[in-house]
Amino acid sequence: MNIDSAVLVLAGLMTLISAMLAWYVSPNWLLLTAFVGFNLLQSGFTGFCPAAIIFRRLGMREGCAFPSKARQE
């Protein structure tokens, strides 16, 4: 698994968890869904993704969407 697919898996998992929590616990959990969506949107435009940074530090392989700073320059 590379960083790109790990970010997508994490975003999907967080969205499903927050939707289940909104259904069973409180609708306020939909704020987490909105946060995940906003983060995906801004990372699509800027290329900055906190989850990608964490996965890179954990030693995951790079993908096309989130290359290291050294490769970008």
PDB file of N, CA and C in Angstrom:
ATOM      1  N   MET A   1       0.851  -1.175   0.000  1.00  0.00           N
ATOM      2  CA  MET A   1       0.000   0.000   0.000  1.00  0.00           C
ATOM      3  C   MET A   1       0.894   1.236   0.000  1.00  0.00           C
ATOM      4  N   ASN A   2       0.546   2.206  -0.850  1.00  0.00           N
ATOM      5  CA  ASN A   2       1.323   3.434  -0.868  1.00  0.00           C
ATOM      6  C   ASN A   2       0.562   4.540  -0.135  1.00  0.00           C
ATOM      7  N   ILE A   3       1.187   5.711  -0.053  1.00  0.00           N
ATOM      8  CA  ILE A   3       0.600   6.827   0.702  1.00  0.00           C
ATOM      9  C   ILE A   3      -0.741   7.245   0.114  1.00  0.00           C
ATOM     10  N   ASP A   4      -0.839   7.284  -1.195  1.00  0.00           N
ATOM     11  CA  ASP A   4      -2.079   7.720  -1.839  1.00  0.00           C
ATOM     12  C   ASP A   4      -3.260   6.839  -1.441  1.00  0.00           C
ATOM     13  N   SER A   5      -3.084   5.539  -1.540  1.00  0.00           N
ATOM     14  CA  SER A   5      -4.189   4.643  -1.202  1.00  0.00           C
ATOM     15  C   SER A   5      -4.465   4.655   0.299  1.00  0.00           C
ATOM     16  N   ALA A   6      -3.433   4.848   1.127  1.00  0.00           N
ATOM     17  CA  ALA A   6      -3.638   4.916   2.575  1.00  0.00           C
ATOM     18  C   ALA A   6      -4.457   6.152   2.951  1.00  0.00           C
ATOM     19  N   VAL A   7      -4.210   7.271   2.290  1.00  0.00           N
ATOM     20  CA  VAL A   7      -4.991   8.481   2.557  1.00  0.00           C
ATOM     21  C   VAL A   7      -6.449   8.263   2.174  1.00  0.00           C
ATOM     22  N   LEU A   8      -6.695   7.635   1.034  1.00  0.00           N
ATOM     23  CA  LEU A   8      -8.068   7.366   0.611  1.00  0.00           C
ATOM     24  C   LEU A   8      -8.774   6.395   1.557  1.00  0.00           C
ATOM     25  N   VAL A   9      -8.059   5.366   2.005  1.00  0.00           N
ATOM     26  CA  VAL A   9      -8.646   4.413   2.947  1.00  0.00           C
ATOM     27  C   VAL A   9      -8.975   5.106   4.265  1.00  0.00           C
ATOM     28  N   LEU A  10      -8.062   5.931   4.768  1.00  0.00           N
ATOM     29  CA  LEU A  10      -8.306   6.650   6.016  1.00  0.00           C
ATOM     30  C   LEU A  10      -9.497   7.589   5.879  1.00  0.00           C
ATOM     31  N   ALA A  11      -9.582   8.331   4.773  1.00  0.00           N
ATOM     32  CA  ALA A  11     -10.698   9.258   4.567  1.00  0.00           C
ATOM     33  C   ALA A  11     -12.026   8.504   4.491  1.00  0.00           C
ATOM     34  N   GLY A  12     -12.050   7.399   3.769  1.00  0.00           N
ATOM     35  CA  GLY A  12     -13.269   6.610   3.677  1.00  0.00           C
ATOM     36  C   GLY A  12     -13.676   6.024   5.014  1.00  0.00           C
ATOM     37  N   LEU A  13     -12.710   5.529   5.751  1.00  0.00           N
ATOM     38  CA  LEU A  13     -12.990   4.953   7.069  1.00  0.00           C
ATOM     39  C   LEU A  13     -13.527   6.012   8.033  1.00  0.00           C
ATOM     40  N   MET A  14     -12.897   7.180   8.046  1.00  0.00           N
ATOM     41  CA  MET A  14     -13.350   8.252   8.935  1.00  0.00           C
ATOM     42  C   MET A  14     -14.761   8.725   8.559  1.00  0.00           C
ATOM     43  N   THR A  15     -15.055   8.768   7.270  1.00  0.00           N
ATOM     44  CA  THR A  15     -16.386   9.179   6.826  1.00  0.00           C
ATOM     45  C   THR A  15     -17.442   8.161   7.251  1.00  0.00           C
ATOM     46  N   LEU A  16     -17.148   6.878   7.068  1.00  0.00           N
ATOM     47  CA  LEU A  16     -18.110   5.847   7.476  1.00  0.00           C
ATOM     48  C   LEU A  16     -18.312   5.823   8.985  1.00  0.00           C
ATOM     49  N   ILE A  17     -17.229   5.969   9.741  1.00  0.00           N
ATOM     50  CA  ILE A  17     -17.334   5.975  11.207  1.00  0.00           C
ATOM     51  C   ILE A  17     -18.167   7.166  11.670  1.00  0.00           C
ATOM     52  N   SER A  18     -17.900   8.344  11.102  1.00  0.00           N
ATOM     53  CA  SER A  18     -18.657   9.522  11.543  1.00  0.00           C
ATOM     54  C   SER A  18     -20.125   9.419  11.138  1.00  0.00           C
ATOM     55  N   ALA A  19     -20.419   8.819   9.992  1.00  0.00           N
ATOM     56  CA  ALA A  19     -21.819   8.638   9.591  1.00  0.00           C
ATOM     57  C   ALA A  19     -22.533   7.682  10.542  1.00  0.00           C
ATOM     58  N   MET A  20     -21.853   6.604  10.939  1.00  0.00           N
ATOM     59  CA  MET A  20     -22.464   5.672  11.897  1.00  0.00           C
ATOM     60  C   MET A  20     -22.668   6.337  13.254  1.00  0.00           C
ATOM     61  N   LEU A  21     -21.687   7.118  13.697  1.00  0.00           N
ATOM     62  CA  LEU A  21     -21.829   7.814  14.975  1.00  0.00           C
ATOM     63  C   LEU A  21     -22.946   8.857  14.908  1.00  0.00           C
ATOM     64  N   ALA A  22     -23.104   9.505  13.759  1.00  0.00           N
ATOM     65  CA  ALA A  22     -24.188  10.474  13.606  1.00  0.00           C
ATOM     66  C   ALA A  22     -25.541   9.790  13.665  1.00  0.00           C
ATOM     67  N   TRP A  23     -25.625   8.602  13.110  1.00  0.00           N
ATOM     68  CA  TRP A  23     -26.893   7.861  13.100  1.00  0.00           C
ATOM     69  C   TRP A  23     -27.252   7.341  14.493  1.00  0.00           C
ATOM     70  N   TYR A  24     -26.255   6.771  15.190  1.00  0.00           N
ATOM     71  CA  TYR A  24     -26.535   6.110  16.467  1.00  0.00           C
ATOM     72  C   TYR A  24     -26.325   6.987  17.694  1.00  0.00           C
ATOM     73  N   VAL A  25     -25.483   8.016  17.610  1.00  0.00           N
ATOM     74  CA  VAL A  25     -25.145   8.788  18.808  1.00  0.00           C
ATOM     75  C   VAL A  25     -25.690  10.212  18.733  1.00  0.00           C
ATOM     76  N   SER A  26     -25.179  10.990  17.789  1.00  0.00           N
ATOM     77  CA  SER A  26     -25.578  12.394  17.694  1.00  0.00           C
ATOM     78  C   SER A  26     -25.284  12.924  16.293  1.00  0.00           C
ATOM     79  N   PRO A  27     -26.162  13.745  15.755  1.00  0.00           N
ATOM     80  CA  PRO A  27     -25.907  14.335  14.432  1.00  0.00           C
ATOM     81  C   PRO A  27     -24.675  15.243  14.402  1.00  0.00           C
ATOM     82  N   ASN A  28     -24.202  15.651  15.553  1.00  0.00           N
ATOM     83  CA  ASN A  28     -23.009  16.502  15.613  1.00  0.00           C
ATOM     84  C   ASN A  28     -21.774  15.808  15.037  1.00  0.00           C
ATOM     85  N   TRP A  29     -21.794  14.485  14.950  1.00  0.00           N
ATOM     86  CA  TRP A  29     -20.656  13.758  14.368  1.00  0.00           C
ATOM     87  C   TRP A  29     -20.509  14.024  12.879  1.00  0.00           C
ATOM     88  N   LEU A  30     -21.516  14.609  12.243  1.00  0.00           N
ATOM     89  CA  LEU A  30     -21.409  14.960  10.837  1.00  0.00           C
ATOM     90  C   LEU A  30     -20.376  16.062  10.611  1.00  0.00           C
ATOM     91  N   LEU A  31     -20.010  16.771  11.665  1.00  0.00           N
ATOM     92  CA  LEU A  31     -18.935  17.758  11.556  1.00  0.00           C
ATOM     93  C   LEU A  31     -17.618  17.083  11.193  1.00  0.00           C
ATOM     94  N   LEU A  32     -17.394  15.868  11.691  1.00  0.00           N
ATOM     95  CA  LEU A  32     -16.197  15.118  11.323  1.00  0.00           C
ATOM     96  C   LEU A  32     -16.214  14.781   9.831  1.00  0.00           C
ATOM     97  N   THR A  33     -17.377  14.409   9.316  1.00  0.00           N
ATOM     98  CA  THR A  33     -17.510  14.137   7.887  1.00  0.00           C
ATOM     99  C   THR A  33     -17.186  15.385   7.079  1.00  0.00           C
ATOM    100  N   ALA A  34     -17.690  16.534   7.517  1.00  0.00           N
ATOM    101  CA  ALA A  34     -17.411  17.798   6.828  1.00  0.00           C
ATOM    102  C   ALA A  34     -15.922  18.125   6.878  1.00  0.00           C
ATOM    103  N   PHE A  35     -15.279  17.865   8.006  1.00  0.00           N
ATOM    104  CA  PHE A  35     -13.841  18.127   8.142  1.00  0.00           C
ATOM    105  C   PHE A  35     -13.046  17.249   7.180  1.00  0.00           C
ATOM    106  N   VAL A  36     -13.392  15.987   7.087  1.00  0.00           N
ATOM    107  CA  VAL A  36     -12.695  15.071   6.182  1.00  0.00           C
ATOM    108  C   VAL A  36     -12.883  15.527   4.734  1.00  0.00           C
ATOM    109  N   GLY A  37     -14.092  15.889   4.369  1.00  0.00           N
ATOM    110  CA  GLY A  37     -14.353  16.366   3.017  1.00  0.00           C
ATOM    111  C   GLY A  37     -13.593  17.641   2.698  1.00  0.00           C
ATOM    112  N   PHE A  38     -13.561  18.575   3.647  1.00  0.00           N
ATOM    113  CA  PHE A  38     -12.820  19.815   3.442  1.00  0.00           C
ATOM    114  C   PHE A  38     -11.329  19.538   3.289  1.00  0.00           C
ATOM    115  N   ASN A  39     -10.800  18.631   4.094  1.00  0.00           N
ATOM    116  CA  ASN A  39      -9.384  18.296   4.021  1.00  0.00           C
ATOM    117  C   ASN A  39      -9.040  17.657   2.670  1.00  0.00           C
ATOM    118  N   LEU A  40      -9.905  16.786   2.169  1.00  0.00           N
ATOM    119  CA  LEU A  40      -9.683  16.193   0.843  1.00  0.00           C
ATOM    120  C   LEU A  40      -9.727  17.258  -0.243  1.00  0.00           C
ATOM    121  N   LEU A  41     -10.661  18.184  -0.120  1.00  0.00           N
ATOM    122  CA  LEU A  41     -10.790  19.255  -1.108  1.00  0.00           C
ATOM    123  C   LEU A  41      -9.551  20.149  -1.126  1.00  0.00           C
ATOM    124  N   GLN A  42      -9.106  20.594   0.036  1.00  0.00           N
ATOM    125  CA  GLN A  42      -7.942  21.481   0.068  1.00  0.00           C
ATOM    126  C   GLN A  42      -6.671  20.748  -0.327  1.00  0.00           C
ATOM    127  N   SER A  43      -6.539  19.469  -0.006  1.00  0.00           N
ATOM    128  CA  SER A  43      -5.329  18.746  -0.408  1.00  0.00           C
ATOM    129  C   SER A  43      -5.304  18.513  -1.917  1.00  0.00           C
ATOM    130  N   GLY A  44      -6.479  18.446  -2.531  1.00  0.00           N
ATOM    131  CA  GLY A  44      -6.542  18.326  -3.983  1.00  0.00           C
ATOM    132  C   GLY A  44      -6.028  19.580  -4.679  1.00  0.00           C
ATOM    133  N   PHE A  45      -6.281  20.732  -4.080  1.00  0.00           N
ATOM    134  CA  PHE A  45      -5.839  21.991  -4.674  1.00  0.00           C
ATOM    135  C   PHE A  45      -4.412  22.357  -4.286  1.00  0.00           C
ATOM    136  N   THR A  46      -4.030  22.086  -3.031  1.00  0.00           N
ATOM    137  CA  THR A  46      -2.729  22.549  -2.545  1.00  0.00           C
ATOM    138  C   THR A  46      -1.662  21.466  -2.535  1.00  0.00           C
ATOM    139  N   GLY A  47      -2.051  20.197  -2.463  1.00  0.00           N
ATOM    140  CA  GLY A  47      -1.079  19.118  -2.359  1.00  0.00           C
ATOM    141  C   GLY A  47      -0.604  18.883  -0.928  1.00  0.00           C
ATOM    142  N   PHE A  48      -1.112  19.661   0.023  1.00  0.00           N
ATOM    143  CA  PHE A  48      -0.743  19.506   1.429  1.00  0.00           C
ATOM    144  C   PHE A  48      -1.760  18.622   2.125  1.00  0.00           C
ATOM    145  N   CYS A  49      -1.283  17.532   2.715  1.00  0.00           N
ATOM    146  CA  CYS A  49      -2.165  16.606   3.421  1.00  0.00           C
ATOM    147  C   CYS A  49      -1.471  16.126   4.690  1.00  0.00           C
ATOM    148  N   PRO A  50      -1.994  16.481   5.862  1.00  0.00           N
ATOM    149  CA  PRO A  50      -1.373  16.037   7.119  1.00  0.00           C
ATOM    150  C   PRO A  50      -1.276  14.514   7.236  1.00  0.00           C
ATOM    151  N   ALA A  51      -2.288  13.803   6.749  1.00  0.00           N
ATOM    152  CA  ALA A  51      -2.249  12.339   6.817  1.00  0.00           C
ATOM    153  C   ALA A  51      -1.109  11.785   5.971  1.00  0.00           C
ATOM    154  N   ALA A  52      -0.858  12.385   4.816  1.00  0.00           N
ATOM    155  CA  ALA A  52       0.237  11.931   3.954  1.00  0.00           C
ATOM    156  C   ALA A  52       1.579  12.138   4.636  1.00  0.00           C
ATOM    157  N   ILE A  53       1.716  13.234   5.360  1.00  0.00           N
ATOM    158  CA  ILE A  53       2.959  13.495   6.093  1.00  0.00           C
ATOM    159  C   ILE A  53       3.175  12.430   7.163  1.00  0.00           C
ATOM    160  N   ILE A  54       2.112  12.093   7.867  1.00  0.00           N
ATOM    161  CA  ILE A  54       2.214  11.068   8.922  1.00  0.00           C
ATOM    162  C   ILE A  54       2.548   9.711   8.311  1.00  0.00           C
ATOM    163  N   PHE A  55       1.875   9.353   7.226  1.00  0.00           N
ATOM    164  CA  PHE A  55       2.159   8.063   6.586  1.00  0.00           C
ATOM    165  C   PHE A  55       3.586   8.013   6.044  1.00  0.00           C
ATOM    166  N   ARG A  56       4.089   9.122   5.534  1.00  0.00           N
ATOM    167  CA  ARG A  56       5.472   9.172   5.039  1.00  0.00           C
ATOM    168  C   ARG A  56       6.454   8.940   6.191  1.00  0.00           C
ATOM    169  N   ARG A  57       6.181   9.555   7.337  1.00  0.00           N
ATOM    170  CA  ARG A  57       7.059   9.372   8.505  1.00  0.00           C
ATOM    171  C   ARG A  57       6.995   7.953   9.045  1.00  0.00           C
ATOM    172  N   LEU A  58       5.876   7.272   8.803  1.00  0.00           N
ATOM    173  CA  LEU A  58       5.755   5.875   9.217  1.00  0.00           C
ATOM    174  C   LEU A  58       6.462   4.928   8.247  1.00  0.00           C
ATOM    175  N   GLY A  59       6.966   5.476   7.137  1.00  0.00           N
ATOM    176  CA  GLY A  59       7.766   4.673   6.220  1.00  0.00           C
ATOM    177  C   GLY A  59       7.022   4.081   5.040  1.00  0.00           C
ATOM    178  N   MET A  60       5.845   4.589   4.733  1.00  0.00           N
ATOM    179  CA  MET A  60       5.108   4.060   3.585  1.00  0.00           C
ATOM    180  C   MET A  60       5.725   4.525   2.278  1.00  0.00           C
ATOM    181  N   ARG A  61       5.500   3.736   1.239  1.00  0.00           N
ATOM    182  CA  ARG A  61       5.967   4.090  -0.109  1.00  0.00           C
ATOM    183  C   ARG A  61       5.216   5.308  -0.618  1.00  0.00           C
ATOM    184  N   GLU A  62       5.896   6.095  -1.414  1.00  0.00           N
ATOM    185  CA  GLU A  62       5.260   7.264  -1.996  1.00  0.00           C
ATOM    186  C   GLU A  62       4.388   6.854  -3.173  1.00  0.00           C
ATOM    187  N   GLY A  63       3.392   7.685  -3.432  1.00  0.00           N
ATOM    188  CA  GLY A  63       2.541   7.502  -4.595  1.00  0.00           C
ATOM    189  C   GLY A  63       2.688   8.709  -5.499  1.00  0.00           C
ATOM    190  N   CYS A  64       1.810   8.824  -6.465  1.00  0.00           N
ATOM    191  CA  CYS A  64       1.867   9.939  -7.423  1.00  0.00           C
ATOM    192  C   CYS A  64       1.310  11.233  -6.849  1.00  0.00           C
ATOM    193  N   ALA A  65       0.296  11.138  -6.002  1.00  0.00           N
ATOM    194  CA  ALA A  65      -0.398  12.335  -5.526  1.00  0.00           C
ATOM    195  C   ALA A  65       0.381  13.099  -4.464  1.00  0.00           C
ATOM    196  N   PHE A  66       1.116  12.417  -3.623  1.00  0.00           N
ATOM    197  CA  PHE A  66       1.818  13.067  -2.520  1.00  0.00           C
ATOM    198  C   PHE A  66       3.305  12.732  -2.549  1.00  0.00           C
ATOM    199  N   PRO A  67       4.043  13.286  -3.515  1.00  0.00           N
ATOM    200  CA  PRO A  67       5.487  13.015  -3.569  1.00  0.00           C
ATOM    201  C   PRO A  67       6.218  13.784  -2.470  1.00  0.00           C
ATOM    202  N   SER A  68       7.432  13.364  -2.176  1.00  0.00           N
ATOM    203  CA  SER A  68       8.223  14.064  -1.158  1.00  0.00           C
ATOM    204  C   SER A  68       8.664  15.420  -1.687  1.00  0.00           C
ATOM    205  N   LYS A  69       9.062  16.298  -0.785  1.00  0.00           N
ATOM    206  CA  LYS A  69       9.514  17.633  -1.164  1.00  0.00           C
ATOM    207  C   LYS A  69      10.748  17.548  -2.063  1.00  0.00           C
ATOM    208  N   ALA A  70      11.622  16.592  -1.802  1.00  0.00           N
ATOM    209  CA  ALA A  70      12.861  16.453  -2.596  1.00  0.00           C
ATOM    210  C   ALA A  70      12.541  16.124  -4.043  1.00  0.00           C
ATOM    211  N   ARG A  71      11.513  15.321  -4.278  1.00  0.00           N
ATOM    212  CA  ARG A  71      11.139  14.953  -5.644  1.00  0.00           C
ATOM    213  C   ARG A  71      10.414  16.073  -6.367  1.00  0.00           C
ATOM    214  N   GLN A  72       9.763  16.969  -5.628  1.00  0.00           N
ATOM    215  CA  GLN A  72       9.013  18.045  -6.248  1.00  0.00           C
ATOM    216  C   GLN A  72       9.926  19.121  -6.799  1.00  0.00           C
ATOM    217  N   GLU A  73      11.087  19.330  -6.212  1.00  0.00           N
ATOM    218  CA  GLU A  73      11.983  20.418  -6.610  1.00  0.00           C
ATOM    219  C   GLU A  73      12.906  20.045  -7.717  1.00  0.00           C
TER     220      GLU A  73
END
